[in-house]
Amino acid sequence: MVALRGKEIDAFLARPDAGRPIILLYGPDAGLVRERADALIASSVDDPNDPFSLVRLDGDELSAEPSRLVDEAMTVPLFGGRRAIRVRAGSRSFASGIETLAEMNVKDCRIVIEAGELRPESPLRKACEKAKTAVAIGCYPDTERDLARLMEDELRIANLRITQDARAALMSFLGGDRQASRNELRKLTLYAHGKGEVTLDDVMAVVADASELKLDPIVDGAFAGRPDIVETEFAKAMIAGTYPGVIISAAQRQAAWLHKSALAIADGQPASAVLDGGFPRLHFSRKPAVETALRNFSPARLAAIIEQLATAALDTRKQSTLAAAIAQRTLMAIAANAKRRG
């Protein structure tokens, strides 16, 4: 079973094993999946923009003809050179193509597969973990340590320092999606270019303002029982091009955090200690909505909502054309449910 974890992932990405040319990237952090896929493709071909060097395939289309993956991987370029295949997995399985390809001698071609969350019993994940010539890499939201390292890397590249209060505030705005976090950091370093040090004012001017069109207002509105806010902010997110599945993922993380917090409060821990502790640190502007959510929902009802959101996440992947409607309907249902205390 070849499923890399921790430092094994960093080592493999830094120097991919030519003997394992099939790489599955999966998990809830879509930004991290994309970032790792981009890095692997960049190290696999001389020019990612050359259609003869990089072939892009859709997983759902591939499911109708899995043998096409084998044909593409075994194709010898007319003018030589390295090749790569980038597959975006959908809701349909093409695992049989992986199983066939894993038994063949693939030369000078890397196959990078991007997927969302996959259960251990998923055919695609099982095929990649089982094959000796493949590797499966889970991509999960950054921990506090991961975010600190990401922040330090971007600040070092920009030759910037950061004040303690600015660091604390910045950490509260990052996480959940690696690519989004990196983009926010790069906007901040560009804004502070030439200053030598990032201050709290810089963070609030750039990252905090940008977060207004993000996900917290939608999610907080749902759990606080404010369908009007959900409707308004969801519409803004759609105009901004936010993928509905990302909003559901944010709601899943919030539901899990609220469930954990509600259990702690039920065990006698003061609500103030719960709100002020933990990671990611709750931004002060969100506290009233979160306090309302904890009053609205019991641990048992939050557990049911976690199941409801898991179903919605699966449905958005299976029915991508209806993803926005599914996500909005689910969040509006949570908001309506919040009005029934207990």
Protein backbone atom coordinates (compact mmCIF):
# COMPACT_ATOMS: atom_id res chain seq x y z
CA MET A 1 0.00 0.00 0.00
CA VAL A 2 1.55 3.28 -1.16
CA ALA A 3 -0.14 6.17 0.65
CA LEU A 4 2.34 8.85 1.66
CA ARG A 5 2.03 10.91 4.82
CA GLY A 6 3.81 13.76 6.57
CA LYS A 7 7.47 14.20 5.62
CA GLU A 8 7.20 11.42 3.04
CA ILE A 9 4.97 13.71 0.98
CA ASP A 10 7.45 16.61 1.05
CA ALA A 11 10.30 14.29 0.10
CA PHE A 12 8.37 12.76 -2.79
CA LEU A 13 7.21 16.12 -4.15
CA ALA A 14 10.75 17.49 -3.98
CA ARG A 15 12.06 14.50 -5.94
CA PRO A 16 9.28 12.39 -7.50
CA ASP A 17 10.09 8.71 -7.89
CA ALA A 18 10.29 7.80 -11.59
CA GLY A 19 9.30 4.26 -10.65
CA ARG A 20 5.91 5.54 -9.46
CA PRO A 21 4.66 7.69 -12.35
CA ILE A 22 0.97 7.53 -11.36
CA ILE A 23 0.16 10.10 -8.68
CA LEU A 24 -3.24 10.63 -7.10
CA LEU A 25 -3.81 13.88 -5.22
CA TYR A 26 -7.06 13.95 -3.25
CA GLY A 27 -8.66 15.61 -0.25
CA PRO A 28 -10.82 18.50 0.96
CA ASP A 29 -8.19 21.20 0.37
CA ALA A 30 -8.73 21.87 -3.33
CA GLY A 31 -6.10 24.61 -3.32
CA LEU A 32 -3.43 22.25 -2.00
CA VAL A 33 -4.44 19.62 -4.58
CA ARG A 34 -3.99 22.19 -7.38
CA GLU A 35 -0.73 23.55 -5.97
CA ARG A 36 0.84 20.10 -5.72
CA ALA A 37 -0.46 19.13 -9.16
CA ASP A 38 1.01 22.31 -10.67
CA ALA A 39 4.39 21.56 -9.08
CA LEU A 40 4.42 17.98 -10.30
CA ILE A 41 3.47 18.99 -13.84
CA ALA A 42 6.11 21.73 -13.88
CA SER A 43 8.80 19.18 -12.99
CA SER A 44 7.48 16.65 -15.51
CA VAL A 45 7.56 18.57 -18.79
CA ASP A 46 9.67 21.30 -20.31
CA ASP A 47 6.67 23.38 -21.41
CA PRO A 48 3.28 22.86 -19.71
CA ASN A 49 1.66 24.97 -22.44
CA ASP A 50 2.74 22.53 -25.16
CA PRO A 51 -0.27 20.29 -25.96
CA PHE A 52 2.09 17.59 -27.20
CA SER A 53 3.84 17.54 -23.81
CA LEU A 54 0.84 17.88 -21.51
CA VAL A 55 -2.47 16.09 -22.13
CA ARG A 56 -5.51 17.12 -20.07
CA LEU A 57 -8.28 14.60 -19.52
CA ASP A 58 -11.66 14.75 -17.78
CA GLY A 59 -12.27 11.85 -15.42
CA ASP A 60 -15.98 11.54 -16.15
CA GLU A 61 -15.30 11.36 -19.89
CA LEU A 62 -12.48 8.90 -19.24
CA SER A 63 -14.84 6.60 -17.37
CA ALA A 64 -16.59 5.76 -20.66
CA GLU A 65 -13.28 4.65 -22.16
CA PRO A 66 -10.67 3.96 -19.43
CA SER A 67 -8.32 2.42 -21.99
CA ARG A 68 -7.73 5.91 -23.38
CA LEU A 69 -5.60 6.64 -20.33
CA VAL A 70 -3.38 3.69 -21.22
CA ASP A 71 -3.16 4.78 -24.85
CA GLU A 72 -2.16 8.34 -23.90
CA ALA A 73 0.43 7.20 -21.35
CA MET A 74 2.08 4.75 -23.77
CA THR A 75 2.18 7.20 -26.70
CA VAL A 76 5.72 7.97 -27.83
CA PRO A 77 6.14 11.67 -28.73
CA LEU A 78 7.03 12.30 -32.38
CA PHE A 79 9.88 14.62 -31.41
CA GLY A 80 10.81 12.87 -28.16
CA GLY A 81 10.93 14.48 -24.74
CA ARG A 82 8.98 14.03 -21.54
CA ARG A 83 5.20 13.97 -21.32
CA ALA A 84 2.57 14.31 -18.62
CA ILE A 85 -1.14 13.58 -18.33
CA ARG A 86 -3.33 15.65 -15.99
CA VAL A 87 -6.67 14.11 -15.06
CA ARG A 88 -9.43 15.88 -13.14
CA ALA A 89 -11.47 13.17 -11.48
CA GLY A 90 -15.23 13.59 -11.23
CA SER A 91 -17.97 11.39 -9.86
CA ARG A 92 -17.45 8.47 -12.27
CA SER A 93 -14.78 5.81 -11.88
CA PHE A 94 -11.97 5.12 -14.31
CA ALA A 95 -10.08 2.89 -11.86
CA SER A 96 -9.85 0.05 -14.38
CA GLY A 97 -7.62 2.25 -16.54
CA ILE A 98 -5.34 2.84 -13.55
CA GLU A 99 -5.19 -0.88 -12.77
CA THR A 100 -4.21 -1.72 -16.35
CA LEU A 101 -1.67 1.08 -16.58
CA ALA A 102 -0.10 0.11 -13.25
CA GLU A 103 0.96 -3.23 -14.75
CA MET A 104 2.72 -1.62 -17.70
CA ASN A 105 6.17 -0.11 -18.11
CA VAL A 106 5.47 3.61 -18.41
CA LYS A 107 8.48 5.63 -19.59
CA ASP A 108 8.98 9.38 -19.64
CA CYS A 109 5.35 10.07 -18.76
CA ARG A 110 3.85 11.16 -15.46
CA ILE A 111 0.13 10.81 -14.72
CA VAL A 112 -1.23 13.32 -12.20
CA ILE A 113 -4.80 12.81 -11.01
CA GLU A 114 -6.66 15.51 -9.08
CA ALA A 115 -9.67 14.53 -6.98
CA GLY A 116 -11.79 15.78 -4.10
CA GLU A 117 -12.40 13.83 -0.91
CA LEU A 118 -12.20 10.08 -1.49
CA ARG A 119 -13.25 7.43 1.00
CA PRO A 120 -10.78 4.58 1.65
CA GLU A 121 -13.07 2.23 -0.29
CA SER A 122 -13.18 4.53 -3.35
CA PRO A 123 -12.15 2.48 -6.45
CA LEU A 124 -9.77 5.20 -7.61
CA ARG A 125 -8.06 5.55 -4.25
CA LYS A 126 -7.87 1.78 -3.74
CA ALA A 127 -6.35 1.28 -7.20
CA CYS A 128 -3.63 3.89 -6.61
CA GLU A 129 -2.81 2.73 -3.08
CA LYS A 130 -2.60 -0.89 -4.20
CA ALA A 131 -0.42 -0.38 -7.30
CA LYS A 132 3.36 -0.50 -6.87
CA THR A 133 3.80 2.07 -9.64
CA ALA A 134 1.36 4.57 -8.13
CA VAL A 135 1.16 6.76 -5.06
CA ALA A 136 -1.78 8.40 -3.27
CA ILE A 137 -1.29 11.71 -1.46
CA GLY A 138 -3.98 13.17 0.81
CA CYS A 139 -4.35 16.96 0.78
CA TYR A 140 -5.89 18.26 4.00
CA PRO A 141 -6.35 21.79 5.40
CA ASP A 142 -3.20 23.34 6.81
CA THR A 143 -2.47 23.04 10.51
CA GLU A 144 -1.28 26.02 12.53
CA ARG A 145 2.31 24.88 11.97
CA ASP A 146 1.74 24.57 8.21
CA LEU A 147 0.28 28.07 8.01
CA ALA A 148 3.14 29.52 10.07
CA ARG A 149 5.66 27.93 7.70
CA LEU A 150 3.75 29.16 4.65
CA MET A 151 3.66 32.67 6.10
CA GLU A 152 7.38 32.64 6.90
CA ASP A 153 8.24 31.41 3.40
CA GLU A 154 6.30 34.17 1.67
CA LEU A 155 7.58 36.88 4.01
CA ARG A 156 11.17 35.69 3.58
CA ILE A 157 10.88 35.79 -0.21
CA ALA A 158 9.54 39.36 0.03
CA ASN A 159 12.23 40.31 2.60
CA LEU A 160 9.59 41.37 5.12
CA ARG A 161 9.11 41.00 8.88
CA ILE A 162 5.75 40.99 10.65
CA THR A 163 4.62 42.34 14.03
CA GLN A 164 3.15 39.97 16.61
CA ASP A 165 -0.36 41.46 16.52
CA ALA A 166 -0.33 41.39 12.72
CA ARG A 167 0.77 37.74 12.76
CA ALA A 168 -2.03 36.76 15.15
CA ALA A 169 -4.66 38.56 13.05
CA LEU A 170 -3.32 37.15 9.81
CA MET A 171 -3.45 33.57 11.11
CA SER A 172 -7.16 33.97 11.84
CA PHE A 173 -7.84 34.79 8.19
CA LEU A 174 -5.86 31.92 6.67
CA GLY A 175 -6.53 28.21 6.36
CA GLY A 176 -8.95 25.84 4.67
CA ASP A 177 -7.54 26.27 1.16
CA ARG A 178 -3.77 26.39 0.55
CA GLN A 179 -3.98 28.30 -2.72
CA ALA A 180 -6.32 30.91 -1.25
CA SER A 181 -4.00 31.34 1.76
CA ARG A 182 -0.95 31.75 -0.48
CA ASN A 183 -2.77 34.27 -2.69
CA GLU A 184 -3.73 36.35 0.35
CA LEU A 185 -0.14 36.30 1.60
CA ARG A 186 1.20 37.39 -1.76
CA LYS A 187 -1.30 40.26 -1.96
CA LEU A 188 -0.19 41.32 1.51
CA THR A 189 3.54 41.20 0.68
CA LEU A 190 2.92 43.19 -2.50
CA TYR A 191 0.97 45.79 -0.49
CA ALA A 192 3.75 46.06 2.10
CA HIS A 193 6.61 46.03 -0.44
CA GLY A 194 9.40 48.38 0.57
CA LYS A 195 8.13 48.90 4.12
CA GLY A 196 10.32 46.27 5.74
CA GLU A 197 7.63 45.19 8.19
CA VAL A 198 3.98 44.12 7.92
CA THR A 199 1.73 45.77 10.51
CA LEU A 200 -1.78 45.06 11.78
CA ASP A 201 -3.08 47.97 9.67
CA ASP A 202 -1.65 46.28 6.58
CA VAL A 203 -3.39 43.00 7.39
CA MET A 204 -6.73 44.68 8.09
CA ALA A 205 -6.45 46.78 4.92
CA VAL A 206 -5.69 43.89 2.58
CA VAL A 207 -6.64 40.49 3.97
CA ALA A 208 -9.57 41.46 6.18
CA ASP A 209 -11.24 43.49 3.43
CA ALA A 210 -10.74 40.67 0.95
CA SER A 211 -12.34 38.21 3.35
CA GLU A 212 -15.68 40.03 3.22
CA LEU A 213 -16.49 38.25 -0.05
CA LYS A 214 -15.34 34.94 1.35
CA LEU A 215 -17.16 32.28 3.22
CA ASP A 216 -17.47 33.27 6.89
CA PRO A 217 -20.56 35.49 6.48
CA ILE A 218 -22.42 32.73 4.62
CA VAL A 219 -21.51 30.02 7.11
CA ASP A 220 -22.04 32.18 10.19
CA GLY A 221 -25.39 33.36 8.83
CA ALA A 222 -26.55 29.77 8.37
CA PHE A 223 -25.69 28.63 11.89
CA ALA A 224 -26.94 31.86 13.45
CA GLY A 225 -30.37 31.36 11.84
CA ARG A 226 -30.15 34.23 9.37
CA PRO A 227 -31.44 33.01 5.98
CA ASP A 228 -31.48 36.59 4.70
CA ILE A 229 -27.71 36.86 5.20
CA VAL A 230 -27.15 33.42 3.66
CA GLU A 231 -29.11 34.40 0.55
CA THR A 232 -27.33 37.74 0.10
CA GLU A 233 -23.78 36.53 0.81
CA PHE A 234 -24.22 33.35 -1.21
CA ALA A 235 -25.23 35.43 -4.23
CA LYS A 236 -22.09 37.57 -3.78
CA ALA A 237 -19.93 34.46 -3.62
CA MET A 238 -21.44 33.12 -6.83
CA ILE A 239 -20.79 36.44 -8.60
CA ALA A 240 -17.18 36.28 -7.34
CA GLY A 241 -16.81 32.83 -8.93
CA THR A 242 -16.61 30.80 -5.72
CA TYR A 243 -17.21 27.09 -6.29
CA PRO A 244 -20.28 25.98 -4.24
CA GLY A 245 -18.46 22.89 -2.97
CA VAL A 246 -15.90 25.13 -1.26
CA ILE A 247 -18.72 26.82 0.67
CA ILE A 248 -20.07 23.45 1.78
CA SER A 249 -16.56 22.43 2.88
CA ALA A 250 -16.32 25.59 4.98
CA ALA A 251 -19.71 24.79 6.53
CA GLN A 252 -18.49 21.25 7.30
CA ARG A 253 -15.44 22.60 9.13
CA GLN A 254 -17.59 25.06 11.07
CA ALA A 255 -20.12 22.35 11.99
CA ALA A 256 -17.32 20.11 13.26
CA TRP A 257 -15.85 22.99 15.31
CA LEU A 258 -19.26 23.91 16.74
CA HIS A 259 -19.94 20.26 17.62
CA LYS A 260 -16.63 19.97 19.44
CA SER A 261 -17.24 23.28 21.22
CA ALA A 262 -20.80 22.35 22.19
CA LEU A 263 -19.56 19.11 23.73
CA ALA A 264 -16.90 21.00 25.71
CA ILE A 265 -19.48 23.46 27.01
CA ALA A 266 -21.82 20.59 27.93
CA ASP A 267 -18.94 19.09 29.94
CA GLY A 268 -18.68 22.30 31.97
CA GLN A 269 -16.03 24.29 30.11
CA PRO A 270 -16.84 28.04 30.07
CA ALA A 271 -18.09 29.27 26.71
CA SER A 272 -15.62 32.16 26.83
CA ALA A 273 -12.69 29.74 27.13
CA VAL A 274 -13.98 27.70 24.21
CA LEU A 275 -14.37 30.76 22.00
CA ASP A 276 -10.97 32.20 22.88
CA GLY A 277 -9.04 28.94 22.54
CA GLY A 278 -8.39 26.41 19.86
CA PHE A 279 -7.27 26.68 16.25
CA PRO A 280 -7.97 28.38 13.99
CA ARG A 281 -8.37 31.29 16.37
CA LEU A 282 -11.83 32.83 16.09
CA HIS A 283 -11.73 36.41 14.85
CA PHE A 284 -13.43 38.86 17.24
CA SER A 285 -15.87 40.00 14.54
CA ARG A 286 -17.35 36.47 14.32
CA LYS A 287 -17.91 35.89 18.04
CA PRO A 288 -21.52 37.16 18.25
CA ALA A 289 -22.65 34.90 15.40
CA VAL A 290 -20.80 31.89 16.81
CA GLU A 291 -22.22 32.48 20.30
CA THR A 292 -25.69 32.53 18.75
CA ALA A 293 -24.95 29.29 16.88
CA LEU A 294 -23.88 27.56 20.10
CA ARG A 295 -27.12 28.66 21.74
CA ASN A 296 -29.14 27.47 18.75
CA PHE A 297 -27.78 23.93 18.43
CA SER A 298 -27.23 21.00 20.76
CA PRO A 299 -24.38 18.53 20.09
CA ALA A 300 -26.93 15.99 18.79
CA ARG A 301 -28.41 18.41 16.28
CA LEU A 302 -24.94 19.48 15.15
CA ALA A 303 -24.06 15.83 14.55
CA ALA A 304 -27.12 15.56 12.31
CA ILE A 305 -26.06 18.70 10.44
CA ILE A 306 -22.60 17.22 9.88
CA GLU A 307 -24.30 14.26 8.15
CA GLN A 308 -26.52 16.63 6.17
CA LEU A 309 -23.49 18.58 4.93
CA ALA A 310 -21.62 15.39 4.04
CA THR A 311 -24.54 14.39 1.82
CA ALA A 312 -24.59 17.85 0.23
CA ALA A 313 -20.83 17.68 -0.44
CA LEU A 314 -21.28 14.36 -2.23
CA ASP A 315 -24.27 15.65 -4.20
CA THR A 316 -22.39 18.75 -5.41
CA ARG A 317 -19.67 16.51 -6.83
CA LYS A 318 -22.13 14.11 -8.45
CA GLN A 319 -24.33 16.84 -9.91
CA SER A 320 -21.94 19.68 -10.72
CA THR A 321 -24.51 21.59 -12.79
CA LEU A 322 -26.78 21.76 -9.74
CA ALA A 323 -23.99 22.41 -7.20
CA ALA A 324 -25.03 26.01 -6.48
CA ALA A 325 -28.67 25.07 -5.92
CA ILE A 326 -27.72 22.13 -3.69
CA ALA A 327 -25.33 24.21 -1.58
CA GLN A 328 -27.72 27.13 -1.14
CA ARG A 329 -30.66 24.85 -0.30
CA THR A 330 -28.62 23.05 2.35
CA LEU A 331 -27.41 26.26 3.99
CA MET A 332 -30.87 27.80 3.95
CA ALA A 333 -32.22 24.63 5.60
CA ILE A 334 -29.60 24.94 8.36
CA ALA A 335 -30.56 28.60 8.87
CA ALA A 336 -34.24 27.68 9.14
CA ASN A 337 -33.42 24.82 11.52
CA ALA A 338 -31.44 27.20 13.74
CA LYS A 339 -34.63 29.03 14.68
CA ARG A 340 -35.75 25.88 16.48
CA ARG A 341 -33.60 25.99 19.59
CA GLY A 342 -32.19 22.89 21.26
